[in-house]
């Protein structure tokens, strides 16, 4: 989902790099949550994992509704300007070729 919701070459590269670094940090931290002294139930690790899963769910939930809001706002602005769906797609592709980011390009639509 990350590449489809970020536009602009530099921004896409930075977002992919940050995602990879987050993945690596998660693997490093995750292995430290489960210590031999906490065997056999590993409660601190399970609690920390549950908190991380909960936070992930909340962030994804917020992002989904943010994307819905932004798409609806951009659709409303496009309708008010009198553009057809085909014209919006064409202008979106032209703006993408000009390396505009998803925030700068009013014809970019987030996928969710």
PDB file of N, CA and C in Angstrom:
ATOM      1  N   UNK A   1       0.819  -1.193   0.000  1.00  0.00           N
ATOM      2  CA  UNK A   1       0.000   0.000   0.000  1.00  0.00           C
ATOM      3  C   UNK A   1       0.867   1.263   0.000  1.00  0.00           C
ATOM      4  N   UNK A   2       2.048   1.184   0.553  1.00  0.00           N
ATOM      5  CA  UNK A   2       2.867   2.390   0.652  1.00  0.00           C
ATOM      6  C   UNK A   2       3.161   3.029  -0.699  1.00  0.00           C
ATOM      7  N   UNK A   3       3.638   2.291  -1.691  1.00  0.00           N
ATOM      8  CA  UNK A   3       3.941   2.958  -2.968  1.00  0.00           C
ATOM      9  C   UNK A   3       2.712   3.568  -3.642  1.00  0.00           C
ATOM     10  N   UNK A   4       1.533   3.008  -3.434  1.00  0.00           N
ATOM     11  CA  UNK A   4       0.348   3.547  -4.105  1.00  0.00           C
ATOM     12  C   UNK A   4      -0.196   4.791  -3.417  1.00  0.00           C
ATOM     13  N   UNK A   5       0.204   5.076  -2.207  1.00  0.00           N
ATOM     14  CA  UNK A   5      -0.305   6.231  -1.479  1.00  0.00           C
ATOM     15  C   UNK A   5       0.727   7.328  -1.287  1.00  0.00           C
ATOM     16  N   UNK A   6       1.825   7.260  -2.020  1.00  0.00           N
ATOM     17  CA  UNK A   6       2.858   8.300  -1.968  1.00  0.00           C
ATOM     18  C   UNK A   6       3.240   8.618  -3.403  1.00  0.00           C
ATOM     19  N   UNK A   7       3.251   9.888  -3.732  1.00  0.00           N
ATOM     20  CA  UNK A   7       3.638  10.304  -5.081  1.00  0.00           C
ATOM     21  C   UNK A   7       4.882  11.172  -5.004  1.00  0.00           C
ATOM     22  N   UNK A   8       5.603  11.203  -6.095  1.00  0.00           N
ATOM     23  CA  UNK A   8       6.861  11.964  -6.141  1.00  0.00           C
ATOM     24  C   UNK A   8       8.027  11.022  -5.905  1.00  0.00           C
ATOM     25  N   UNK A   9       9.029  11.091  -6.761  1.00  0.00           N
ATOM     26  CA  UNK A   9      10.152  10.149  -6.667  1.00  0.00           C
ATOM     27  C   UNK A   9      10.894  10.248  -5.342  1.00  0.00           C
ATOM     28  N   UNK A  10      11.240  11.442  -4.922  1.00  0.00           N
ATOM     29  CA  UNK A  10      12.002  11.600  -3.687  1.00  0.00           C
ATOM     30  C   UNK A  10      11.174  11.182  -2.477  1.00  0.00           C
ATOM     31  N   UNK A  11       9.927  11.622  -2.431  1.00  0.00           N
ATOM     32  CA  UNK A  11       9.060  11.283  -1.309  1.00  0.00           C
ATOM     33  C   UNK A  11       8.831   9.777  -1.242  1.00  0.00           C
ATOM     34  N   UNK A  12       8.671   9.134  -2.391  1.00  0.00           N
ATOM     35  CA  UNK A  12       8.462   7.688  -2.423  1.00  0.00           C
ATOM     36  C   UNK A  12       9.703   6.949  -1.920  1.00  0.00           C
ATOM     37  N   UNK A  13      10.880   7.436  -2.305  1.00  0.00           N
ATOM     38  CA  UNK A  13      12.132   6.818  -1.844  1.00  0.00           C
ATOM     39  C   UNK A  13      12.296   6.971  -0.337  1.00  0.00           C
ATOM     40  N   UNK A  14      12.004   8.152   0.169  1.00  0.00           N
ATOM     41  CA  UNK A  14      12.125   8.397   1.611  1.00  0.00           C
ATOM     42  C   UNK A  14      11.119   7.550   2.377  1.00  0.00           C
ATOM     43  N   UNK A  15       9.880   7.469   1.890  1.00  0.00           N
ATOM     44  CA  UNK A  15       8.853   6.680   2.570  1.00  0.00           C
ATOM     45  C   UNK A  15       9.217   5.199   2.580  1.00  0.00           C
ATOM     46  N   UNK A  16       9.734   4.687   1.469  1.00  0.00           N
ATOM     47  CA  UNK A  16      10.144   3.280   1.417  1.00  0.00           C
ATOM     48  C   UNK A  16      11.315   3.015   2.352  1.00  0.00           C
ATOM     49  N   UNK A  17      12.257   3.940   2.399  1.00  0.00           N
ATOM     50  CA  UNK A  17      13.410   3.786   3.285  1.00  0.00           C
ATOM     51  C   UNK A  17      12.979   3.809   4.753  1.00  0.00           C
ATOM     52  N   UNK A  18      12.076   4.734   5.089  1.00  0.00           N
ATOM     53  CA  UNK A  18      11.595   4.808   6.474  1.00  0.00           C
ATOM     54  C   UNK A  18      10.830   3.542   6.855  1.00  0.00           C
ATOM     55  N   UNK A  19      10.069   3.003   5.919  1.00  0.00           N
ATOM     56  CA  UNK A  19       9.338   1.766   6.175  1.00  0.00           C
ATOM     57  C   UNK A  19      10.313   0.616   6.434  1.00  0.00           C
ATOM     58  N   UNK A  20      11.373   0.542   5.635  1.00  0.00           N
ATOM     59  CA  UNK A  20      12.370  -0.511   5.817  1.00  0.00           C
ATOM     60  C   UNK A  20      13.105  -0.354   7.144  1.00  0.00           C
ATOM     61  N   UNK A  21      13.475   0.864   7.493  1.00  0.00           N
ATOM     62  CA  UNK A  21      14.158   1.106   8.774  1.00  0.00           C
ATOM     63  C   UNK A  21      13.232   0.735   9.936  1.00  0.00           C
ATOM     64  N   UNK A  22      11.950   1.096   9.832  1.00  0.00           N
ATOM     65  CA  UNK A  22      10.992   0.711  10.868  1.00  0.00           C
ATOM     66  C   UNK A  22      10.869  -0.795  10.998  1.00  0.00           C
ATOM     67  N   UNK A  23      10.872  -1.496   9.882  1.00  0.00           N
ATOM     68  CA  UNK A  23      10.833  -2.960   9.886  1.00  0.00           C
ATOM     69  C   UNK A  23      12.061  -3.528  10.599  1.00  0.00           C
ATOM     70  N   UNK A  24      13.226  -2.982  10.289  1.00  0.00           N
ATOM     71  CA  UNK A  24      14.467  -3.461  10.914  1.00  0.00           C
ATOM     72  C   UNK A  24      14.480  -3.184  12.415  1.00  0.00           C
ATOM     73  N   UNK A  25      14.083  -1.991  12.809  1.00  0.00           N
ATOM     74  CA  UNK A  25      14.042  -1.643  14.232  1.00  0.00           C
ATOM     75  C   UNK A  25      13.053  -2.537  14.961  1.00  0.00           C
ATOM     76  N   UNK A  26      11.910  -2.809  14.334  1.00  0.00           N
ATOM     77  CA  UNK A  26      10.924  -3.707  14.940  1.00  0.00           C
ATOM     78  C   UNK A  26      11.475  -5.099  15.167  1.00  0.00           C
ATOM     79  N   UNK A  27      12.270  -5.594  14.227  1.00  0.00           N
ATOM     80  CA  UNK A  27      12.886  -6.913  14.399  1.00  0.00           C
ATOM     81  C   UNK A  27      13.926  -6.911  15.506  1.00  0.00           C
ATOM     82  N   UNK A  28      14.656  -5.828  15.643  1.00  0.00           N
ATOM     83  CA  UNK A  28      15.661  -5.741  16.699  1.00  0.00           C
ATOM     84  C   UNK A  28      14.983  -5.656  18.058  1.00  0.00           C
ATOM     85  N   UNK A  29      13.999  -4.784  18.183  1.00  0.00           N
ATOM     86  CA  UNK A  29      13.304  -4.598  19.461  1.00  0.00           C
ATOM     87  C   UNK A  29      12.489  -5.831  19.821  1.00  0.00           C
ATOM     88  N   UNK A  30      11.837  -6.427  18.823  1.00  0.00           N
ATOM     89  CA  UNK A  30      10.984  -7.592  19.073  1.00  0.00           C
ATOM     90  C   UNK A  30      11.726  -8.747  19.710  1.00  0.00           C
ATOM     91  N   UNK A  31      12.943  -8.965  19.295  1.00  0.00           N
ATOM     92  CA  UNK A  31      13.708 -10.070  19.882  1.00  0.00           C
ATOM     93  C   UNK A  31      14.126  -9.789  21.327  1.00  0.00           C
ATOM     94  N   UNK A  32      14.145  -8.521  21.721  1.00  0.00           N
ATOM     95  CA  UNK A  32      14.516  -8.169  23.088  1.00  0.00           C
ATOM     96  C   UNK A  32      13.317  -8.201  24.051  1.00  0.00           C
ATOM     97  N   UNK A  33      12.105  -8.276  23.519  1.00  0.00           N
ATOM     98  CA  UNK A  33      10.915  -8.293  24.369  1.00  0.00           C
ATOM     99  C   UNK A  33      10.720  -9.626  25.078  1.00  0.00           C
ATOM    100  N   UNK A  34      11.208 -10.687  24.492  1.00  0.00           N
ATOM    101  CA  UNK A  34      11.018 -12.029  25.043  1.00  0.00           C
ATOM    102  C   UNK A  34      12.339 -12.501  25.640  1.00  0.00           C
ATOM    103  N   UNK A  35      12.439 -12.413  26.956  1.00  0.00           N
ATOM    104  CA  UNK A  35      13.662 -12.764  27.670  1.00  0.00           C
ATOM    105  C   UNK A  35      13.486 -14.126  28.347  1.00  0.00           C
ATOM    106  N   UNK A  36      14.581 -14.844  28.510  1.00  0.00           N
ATOM    107  CA  UNK A  36      14.532 -16.169  29.124  1.00  0.00           C
ATOM    108  C   UNK A  36      14.047 -16.096  30.571  1.00  0.00           C
ATOM    109  N   UNK A  37      14.328 -15.010  31.283  1.00  0.00           N
ATOM    110  CA  UNK A  37      13.918 -14.885  32.683  1.00  0.00           C
ATOM    111  C   UNK A  37      12.399 -14.814  32.834  1.00  0.00           C
ATOM    112  N   UNK A  38      11.664 -14.474  31.747  1.00  0.00           N
ATOM    113  CA  UNK A  38      10.213 -14.363  31.801  1.00  0.00           C
ATOM    114  C   UNK A  38       9.506 -15.661  31.414  1.00  0.00           C
ATOM    115  N   UNK A  39      10.257 -16.713  31.132  1.00  0.00           N
ATOM    116  CA  UNK A  39       9.667 -17.998  30.736  1.00  0.00           C
ATOM    117  C   UNK A  39       8.812 -18.544  31.869  1.00  0.00           C
ATOM    118  N   UNK A  40       7.825 -19.290  31.651  1.00  0.00           N
ATOM    119  CA  UNK A  40       7.297 -19.808  30.386  1.00  0.00           C
ATOM    120  C   UNK A  40       6.173 -18.939  29.809  1.00  0.00           C
ATOM    121  N   UNK A  41       5.680 -17.928  30.513  1.00  0.00           N
ATOM    122  CA  UNK A  41       4.543 -17.151  30.008  1.00  0.00           C
ATOM    123  C   UNK A  41       4.942 -15.925  29.189  1.00  0.00           C
ATOM    124  N   UNK A  42       6.114 -15.410  29.418  1.00  0.00           N
ATOM    125  CA  UNK A  42       6.628 -14.243  28.693  1.00  0.00           C
ATOM    126  C   UNK A  42       5.633 -13.077  28.709  1.00  0.00           C
ATOM    127  N   UNK A  43       5.128 -12.750  29.856  1.00  0.00           N
ATOM    128  CA  UNK A  43       4.111 -11.702  29.973  1.00  0.00           C
ATOM    129  C   UNK A  43       4.558 -10.334  29.479  1.00  0.00           C
ATOM    130  N   UNK A  44       5.762  -9.854  29.841  1.00  0.00           N
ATOM    131  CA  UNK A  44       6.172  -8.531  29.326  1.00  0.00           C
ATOM    132  C   UNK A  44       6.192  -8.488  27.797  1.00  0.00           C
ATOM    133  N   UNK A  45       6.654  -9.548  27.190  1.00  0.00           N
ATOM    134  CA  UNK A  45       6.698  -9.600  25.728  1.00  0.00           C
ATOM    135  C   UNK A  45       5.311  -9.633  25.117  1.00  0.00           C
ATOM    136  N   UNK A  46       4.426 -10.415  25.714  1.00  0.00           N
ATOM    137  CA  UNK A  46       3.055 -10.497  25.198  1.00  0.00           C
ATOM    138  C   UNK A  46       2.320  -9.167  25.365  1.00  0.00           C
ATOM    139  N   UNK A  47       2.521  -8.514  26.490  1.00  0.00           N
ATOM    140  CA  UNK A  47       1.881  -7.213  26.717  1.00  0.00           C
ATOM    141  C   UNK A  47       2.412  -6.182  25.719  1.00  0.00           C
ATOM    142  N   UNK A  48       3.719  -6.148  25.531  1.00  0.00           N
ATOM    143  CA  UNK A  48       4.317  -5.198  24.579  1.00  0.00           C
ATOM    144  C   UNK A  48       3.840  -5.483  23.162  1.00  0.00           C
ATOM    145  N   UNK A  49       3.742  -6.746  22.781  1.00  0.00           N
ATOM    146  CA  UNK A  49       3.253  -7.106  21.444  1.00  0.00           C
ATOM    147  C   UNK A  49       1.799  -6.692  21.272  1.00  0.00           C
ATOM    148  N   UNK A  50       0.982  -6.909  22.294  1.00  0.00           N
ATOM    149  CA  UNK A  50      -0.429  -6.522  22.222  1.00  0.00           C
ATOM    150  C   UNK A  50      -0.565  -5.000  22.082  1.00  0.00           C
ATOM    151  N   UNK A  51       0.261  -4.244  22.802  1.00  0.00           N
ATOM    152  CA  UNK A  51       0.229  -2.782  22.691  1.00  0.00           C
ATOM    153  C   UNK A  51       0.629  -2.350  21.282  1.00  0.00           C
ATOM    154  N   UNK A  52       1.657  -2.958  20.734  1.00  0.00           N
ATOM    155  CA  UNK A  52       2.102  -2.606  19.376  1.00  0.00           C
ATOM    156  C   UNK A  52       1.027  -2.938  18.337  1.00  0.00           C
ATOM    157  N   UNK A  53       0.400  -4.094  18.464  1.00  0.00           N
ATOM    158  CA  UNK A  53      -0.681  -4.455  17.533  1.00  0.00           C
ATOM    159  C   UNK A  53      -1.848  -3.484  17.670  1.00  0.00           C
ATOM    160  N   UNK A  54      -2.172  -3.105  18.888  1.00  0.00           N
ATOM    161  CA  UNK A  54      -3.257  -2.144  19.111  1.00  0.00           C
ATOM    162  C   UNK A  54      -2.956  -0.788  18.500  1.00  0.00           C
ATOM    163  N   UNK A  55      -1.719  -0.309  18.695  1.00  0.00           N
ATOM    164  CA  UNK A  55      -1.323   0.974  18.107  1.00  0.00           C
ATOM    165  C   UNK A  55      -1.341   0.917  16.584  1.00  0.00           C
ATOM    166  N   UNK A  56      -0.895  -0.205  16.032  1.00  0.00           N
ATOM    167  CA  UNK A  56      -0.924  -0.371  14.578  1.00  0.00           C
ATOM    168  C   UNK A  56      -2.349  -0.301  14.057  1.00  0.00           C
ATOM    169  N   UNK A  57      -3.275  -0.968  14.746  1.00  0.00           N
ATOM    170  CA  UNK A  57      -4.677  -0.946  14.350  1.00  0.00           C
ATOM    171  C   UNK A  57      -5.222   0.479  14.378  1.00  0.00           C
ATOM    172  N   UNK A  58      -4.920   1.212  15.420  1.00  0.00           N
ATOM    173  CA  UNK A  58      -5.414   2.590  15.553  1.00  0.00           C
ATOM    174  C   UNK A  58      -4.846   3.473  14.438  1.00  0.00           C
ATOM    175  N   UNK A  59      -3.559   3.363  14.157  1.00  0.00           N
ATOM    176  CA  UNK A  59      -2.933   4.186  13.120  1.00  0.00           C
ATOM    177  C   UNK A  59      -3.530   3.856  11.744  1.00  0.00           C
ATOM    178  N   UNK A  60      -3.709   2.576  11.444  1.00  0.00           N
ATOM    179  CA  UNK A  60      -4.297   2.191  10.158  1.00  0.00           C
ATOM    180  C   UNK A  60      -5.726   2.698  10.057  1.00  0.00           C
ATOM    181  N   UNK A  61      -6.486   2.607  11.132  1.00  0.00           N
ATOM    182  CA  UNK A  61      -7.865   3.087  11.171  1.00  0.00           C
ATOM    183  C   UNK A  61      -7.912   4.593  10.899  1.00  0.00           C
ATOM    184  N   UNK A  62      -7.038   5.353  11.553  1.00  0.00           N
ATOM    185  CA  UNK A  62      -6.984   6.810  11.362  1.00  0.00           C
ATOM    186  C   UNK A  62      -6.566   7.148   9.932  1.00  0.00           C
ATOM    187  N   UNK A  63      -5.562   6.447   9.393  1.00  0.00           N
ATOM    188  CA  UNK A  63      -5.118   6.712   8.030  1.00  0.00           C
ATOM    189  C   UNK A  63      -6.224   6.439   7.017  1.00  0.00           C
ATOM    190  N   UNK A  64      -6.967   5.353   7.224  1.00  0.00           N
ATOM    191  CA  UNK A  64      -8.055   5.016   6.300  1.00  0.00           C
ATOM    192  C   UNK A  64      -9.073   6.153   6.221  1.00  0.00           C
ATOM    193  N   UNK A  65      -9.506   6.646   7.366  1.00  0.00           N
ATOM    194  CA  UNK A  65     -10.498   7.709   7.360  1.00  0.00           C
ATOM    195  C   UNK A  65      -9.917   9.043   6.894  1.00  0.00           C
ATOM    196  N   UNK A  66      -8.641   9.263   7.119  1.00  0.00           N
ATOM    197  CA  UNK A  66      -7.989  10.461   6.576  1.00  0.00           C
ATOM    198  C   UNK A  66      -7.977  10.390   5.048  1.00  0.00           C
ATOM    199  N   UNK A  67      -7.615   9.232   4.500  1.00  0.00           N
ATOM    200  CA  UNK A  67      -7.609   9.065   3.044  1.00  0.00           C
ATOM    201  C   UNK A  67      -9.007   9.239   2.463  1.00  0.00           C
ATOM    202  N   UNK A  68     -10.017   8.698   3.113  1.00  0.00           N
ATOM    203  CA  UNK A  68     -11.398   8.866   2.661  1.00  0.00           C
ATOM    204  C   UNK A  68     -11.776  10.347   2.659  1.00  0.00           C
ATOM    205  N   UNK A  69     -11.422  11.046   3.709  1.00  0.00           N
ATOM    206  CA  UNK A  69     -11.722  12.481   3.828  1.00  0.00           C
ATOM    207  C   UNK A  69     -11.041  13.283   2.718  1.00  0.00           C
ATOM    208  N   UNK A  70      -9.747  13.040   2.497  1.00  0.00           N
ATOM    209  CA  UNK A  70      -9.005  13.799   1.493  1.00  0.00           C
ATOM    210  C   UNK A  70      -9.537  13.492   0.093  1.00  0.00           C
ATOM    211  N   UNK A  71      -9.811  12.213  -0.191  1.00  0.00           N
ATOM    212  CA  UNK A  71     -10.356  11.861  -1.501  1.00  0.00           C
ATOM    213  C   UNK A  71     -11.702  12.539  -1.741  1.00  0.00           C
ATOM    214  N   UNK A  72     -12.571  12.539  -0.738  1.00  0.00           N
ATOM    215  CA  UNK A  72     -13.885  13.171  -0.881  1.00  0.00           C
ATOM    216  C   UNK A  72     -13.739  14.675  -1.103  1.00  0.00           C
ATOM    217  N   UNK A  73     -12.816  15.293  -0.384  1.00  0.00           N
ATOM    218  CA  UNK A  73     -12.581  16.731  -0.539  1.00  0.00           C
ATOM    219  C   UNK A  73     -12.078  17.056  -1.946  1.00  0.00           C
ATOM    220  N   UNK A  74     -11.150  16.249  -2.449  1.00  0.00           N
ATOM    221  CA  UNK A  74     -10.618  16.469  -3.796  1.00  0.00           C
ATOM    222  C   UNK A  74     -11.674  16.185  -4.858  1.00  0.00           C
ATOM    223  N   UNK A  75     -12.495  15.156  -4.644  1.00  0.00           N
ATOM    224  CA  UNK A  75     -13.587  14.873  -5.588  1.00  0.00           C
ATOM    225  C   UNK A  75     -14.571  16.033  -5.637  1.00  0.00           C
ATOM    226  N   UNK A  76     -14.899  16.579  -4.483  1.00  0.00           N
ATOM    227  CA  UNK A  76     -15.832  17.709  -4.406  1.00  0.00           C
ATOM    228  C   UNK A  76     -15.253  18.930  -5.143  1.00  0.00           C
ATOM    229  N   UNK A  77     -13.968  19.197  -4.932  1.00  0.00           N
ATOM    230  CA  UNK A  77     -13.330  20.329  -5.613  1.00  0.00           C
ATOM    231  C   UNK A  77     -13.291  20.113  -7.125  1.00  0.00           C
ATOM    232  N   UNK A  78     -13.061  18.872  -7.548  1.00  0.00           N
ATOM    233  CA  UNK A  78     -13.024  18.577  -8.982  1.00  0.00           C
ATOM    234  C   UNK A  78     -14.410  18.739  -9.603  1.00  0.00           C
ATOM    235  N   UNK A  79     -15.450  18.299  -8.912  1.00  0.00           N
ATOM    236  CA  UNK A  79     -16.818  18.462  -9.414  1.00  0.00           C
ATOM    237  C   UNK A  79     -17.180  19.943  -9.528  1.00  0.00           C
ATOM    238  N   UNK A  80     -16.763  20.725  -8.525  1.00  0.00           N
ATOM    239  CA  UNK A  80     -17.056  22.155  -8.548  1.00  0.00           C
ATOM    240  C   UNK A  80     -16.337  22.874  -9.688  1.00  0.00           C
ATOM    241  N   UNK A  81     -15.198  22.360 -10.081  1.00  0.00           N
ATOM    242  CA  UNK A  81     -14.460  22.988 -11.183  1.00  0.00           C
ATOM    243  C   UNK A  81     -14.956  22.498 -12.541  1.00  0.00           C
ATOM    244  N   UNK A  82     -15.810  21.485 -12.550  1.00  0.00           N
ATOM    245  CA  UNK A  82     -16.408  21.008 -13.796  1.00  0.00           C
ATOM    246  C   UNK A  82     -15.585  19.987 -14.554  1.00  0.00           C
ATOM    247  N   UNK A  83     -14.611  19.364 -13.921  1.00  0.00           N
ATOM    248  CA  UNK A  83     -13.781  18.366 -14.587  1.00  0.00           C
ATOM    249  C   UNK A  83     -14.491  17.018 -14.642  1.00  0.00           C
ATOM    250  N   UNK A  84     -14.284  16.297 -15.735  1.00  0.00           N
ATOM    251  CA  UNK A  84     -14.800  14.929 -15.821  1.00  0.00           C
ATOM    252  C   UNK A  84     -13.786  13.981 -15.204  1.00  0.00           C
ATOM    253  N   UNK A  85     -14.199  12.741 -14.999  1.00  0.00           N
ATOM    254  CA  UNK A  85     -13.309  11.737 -14.414  1.00  0.00           C
ATOM    255  C   UNK A  85     -12.104  11.504 -15.324  1.00  0.00           C
ATOM    256  N   UNK A  86     -12.338  11.481 -16.631  1.00  0.00           N
ATOM    257  CA  UNK A  86     -11.247  11.261 -17.582  1.00  0.00           C
ATOM    258  C   UNK A  86     -10.238  12.412 -17.542  1.00  0.00           C
ATOM    259  N   UNK A  87     -10.759  13.636 -17.450  1.00  0.00           N
ATOM    260  CA  UNK A  87      -9.859  14.795 -17.369  1.00  0.00           C
ATOM    261  C   UNK A  87      -9.050  14.773 -16.078  1.00  0.00           C
ATOM    262  N   UNK A  88      -9.686  14.380 -14.973  1.00  0.00           N
ATOM    263  CA  UNK A  88      -8.962  14.296 -13.695  1.00  0.00           C
ATOM    264  C   UNK A  88      -7.848  13.268 -13.783  1.00  0.00           C
ATOM    265  N   UNK A  89      -8.121  12.110 -14.374  1.00  0.00           N
ATOM    266  CA  UNK A  89      -7.088  11.082 -14.507  1.00  0.00           C
ATOM    267  C   UNK A  89      -5.946  11.564 -15.399  1.00  0.00           C
ATOM    268  N   UNK A  90      -6.298  12.228 -16.502  1.00  0.00           N
ATOM    269  CA  UNK A  90      -5.271  12.739 -17.414  1.00  0.00           C
ATOM    270  C   UNK A  90      -4.395  13.790 -16.730  1.00  0.00           C
ATOM    271  N   UNK A  91      -5.024  14.723 -16.022  1.00  0.00           N
ATOM    272  CA  UNK A  91      -4.261  15.754 -15.303  1.00  0.00           C
ATOM    273  C   UNK A  91      -3.436  15.138 -14.175  1.00  0.00           C
ATOM    274  N   UNK A  92      -3.970  14.126 -13.531  1.00  0.00           N
ATOM    275  CA  UNK A  92      -3.221  13.443 -12.475  1.00  0.00           C
ATOM    276  C   UNK A  92      -1.972  12.787 -13.014  1.00  0.00           C
ATOM    277  N   UNK A  93      -2.071  12.178 -14.202  1.00  0.00           N
ATOM    278  CA  UNK A  93      -0.896  11.547 -14.816  1.00  0.00           C
ATOM    279  C   UNK A  93       0.122  12.596 -15.236  1.00  0.00           C
ATOM    280  N   UNK A  94      -0.363  13.700 -15.786  1.00  0.00           N
ATOM    281  CA  UNK A  94       0.553  14.783 -16.181  1.00  0.00           C
ATOM    282  C   UNK A  94       1.279  15.334 -14.960  1.00  0.00           C
ATOM    283  N   UNK A  95       0.538  15.565 -13.873  1.00  0.00           N
ATOM    284  CA  UNK A  95       1.171  16.054 -12.642  1.00  0.00           C
ATOM    285  C   UNK A  95       2.137  15.034 -12.071  1.00  0.00           C
ATOM    286  N   UNK A  96       1.811  13.750 -12.203  1.00  0.00           N
ATOM    287  CA  UNK A  96       2.729  12.703 -11.748  1.00  0.00           C
ATOM    288  C   UNK A  96       4.026  12.711 -12.537  1.00  0.00           C
ATOM    289  N   UNK A  97       3.932  12.946 -13.850  1.00  0.00           N
ATOM    290  CA  UNK A  97       5.132  13.038 -14.684  1.00  0.00           C
ATOM    291  C   UNK A  97       5.976  14.252 -14.309  1.00  0.00           C
ATOM    292  N   UNK A  98       5.332  15.285 -13.786  1.00  0.00           N
ATOM    293  CA  UNK A  98       6.053  16.480 -13.345  1.00  0.00           C
ATOM    294  C   UNK A  98       6.598  16.326 -11.934  1.00  0.00           C
ATOM    295  N   UNK A  99       6.480  15.126 -11.381  1.00  0.00           N
ATOM    296  CA  UNK A  99       7.040  14.777 -10.067  1.00  0.00           C
ATOM    297  C   UNK A  99       6.408  15.558  -8.922  1.00  0.00           C
ATOM    298  N   UNK A 100       5.100  15.808  -9.002  1.00  0.00           N
ATOM    299  CA  UNK A 100       4.396  16.426  -7.879  1.00  0.00           C
ATOM    300  C   UNK A 100       4.090  15.356  -6.841  1.00  0.00           C
ATOM    301  N   UNK A 101       4.141  15.708  -5.586  1.00  0.00           N
ATOM    302  CA  UNK A 101       3.833  14.751  -4.529  1.00  0.00           C
ATOM    303  C   UNK A 101       2.319  14.597  -4.411  1.00  0.00           C
ATOM    304  N   UNK A 102       1.898  13.641  -3.606  1.00  0.00           N
ATOM    305  CA  UNK A 102       0.470  13.404  -3.406  1.00  0.00           C
ATOM    306  C   UNK A 102      -0.216  14.607  -2.772  1.00  0.00           C
ATOM    307  N   UNK A 103       0.479  15.394  -2.009  1.00  0.00           N
ATOM    308  CA  UNK A 103      -0.105  16.584  -1.387  1.00  0.00           C
ATOM    309  C   UNK A 103      -0.208  17.717  -2.416  1.00  0.00           C
ATOM    310  N   UNK A 104       0.781  17.853  -3.281  1.00  0.00           N
ATOM    311  CA  UNK A 104       0.794  18.921  -4.265  1.00  0.00           C
ATOM    312  C   UNK A 104      -0.167  18.668  -5.433  1.00  0.00           C
ATOM    313  N   UNK A 105      -0.414  17.402  -5.756  1.00  0.00           N
ATOM    314  CA  UNK A 105      -1.224  17.034  -6.913  1.00  0.00           C
ATOM    315  C   UNK A 105      -2.694  16.946  -6.511  1.00  0.00           C
ATOM    316  N   UNK A 106      -3.535  17.889  -6.935  1.00  0.00           N
ATOM    317  CA  UNK A 106      -4.949  17.856  -6.540  1.00  0.00           C
ATOM    318  C   UNK A 106      -5.732  16.732  -7.193  1.00  0.00           C
ATOM    319  N   UNK A 107      -5.147  16.054  -8.183  1.00  0.00           N
ATOM    320  CA  UNK A 107      -5.839  14.971  -8.878  1.00  0.00           C
ATOM    321  C   UNK A 107      -5.373  13.594  -8.413  1.00  0.00           C
ATOM    322  N   UNK A 108      -4.507  13.549  -7.425  1.00  0.00           N
ATOM    323  CA  UNK A 108      -4.048  12.275  -6.850  1.00  0.00           C
ATOM    324  C   UNK A 108      -5.127  11.729  -5.940  1.00  0.00           C
ATOM    325  N   UNK A 109      -5.379  10.425  -6.011  1.00  0.00           N
ATOM    326  CA  UNK A 109      -6.350   9.782  -5.131  1.00  0.00           C
ATOM    327  C   UNK A 109      -5.658   8.674  -4.358  1.00  0.00           C
ATOM    328  N   UNK A 110      -5.888   8.667  -3.049  1.00  0.00           N
ATOM    329  CA  UNK A 110      -5.336   7.625  -2.188  1.00  0.00           C
ATOM    330  C   UNK A 110      -6.130   6.349  -2.343  1.00  0.00           C
ATOM    331  N   UNK A 111      -5.450   5.221  -2.245  1.00  0.00           N
ATOM    332  CA  UNK A 111      -6.146   3.929  -2.241  1.00  0.00           C
ATOM    333  C   UNK A 111      -6.248   3.466  -0.801  1.00  0.00           C
ATOM    334  N   UNK A 112      -7.341   2.840  -0.485  1.00  0.00           N
ATOM    335  CA  UNK A 112      -7.560   2.345   0.882  1.00  0.00           C
ATOM    336  C   UNK A 112      -8.298   1.058   0.876  1.00  0.00           C
TER     337      UNK A 112
END
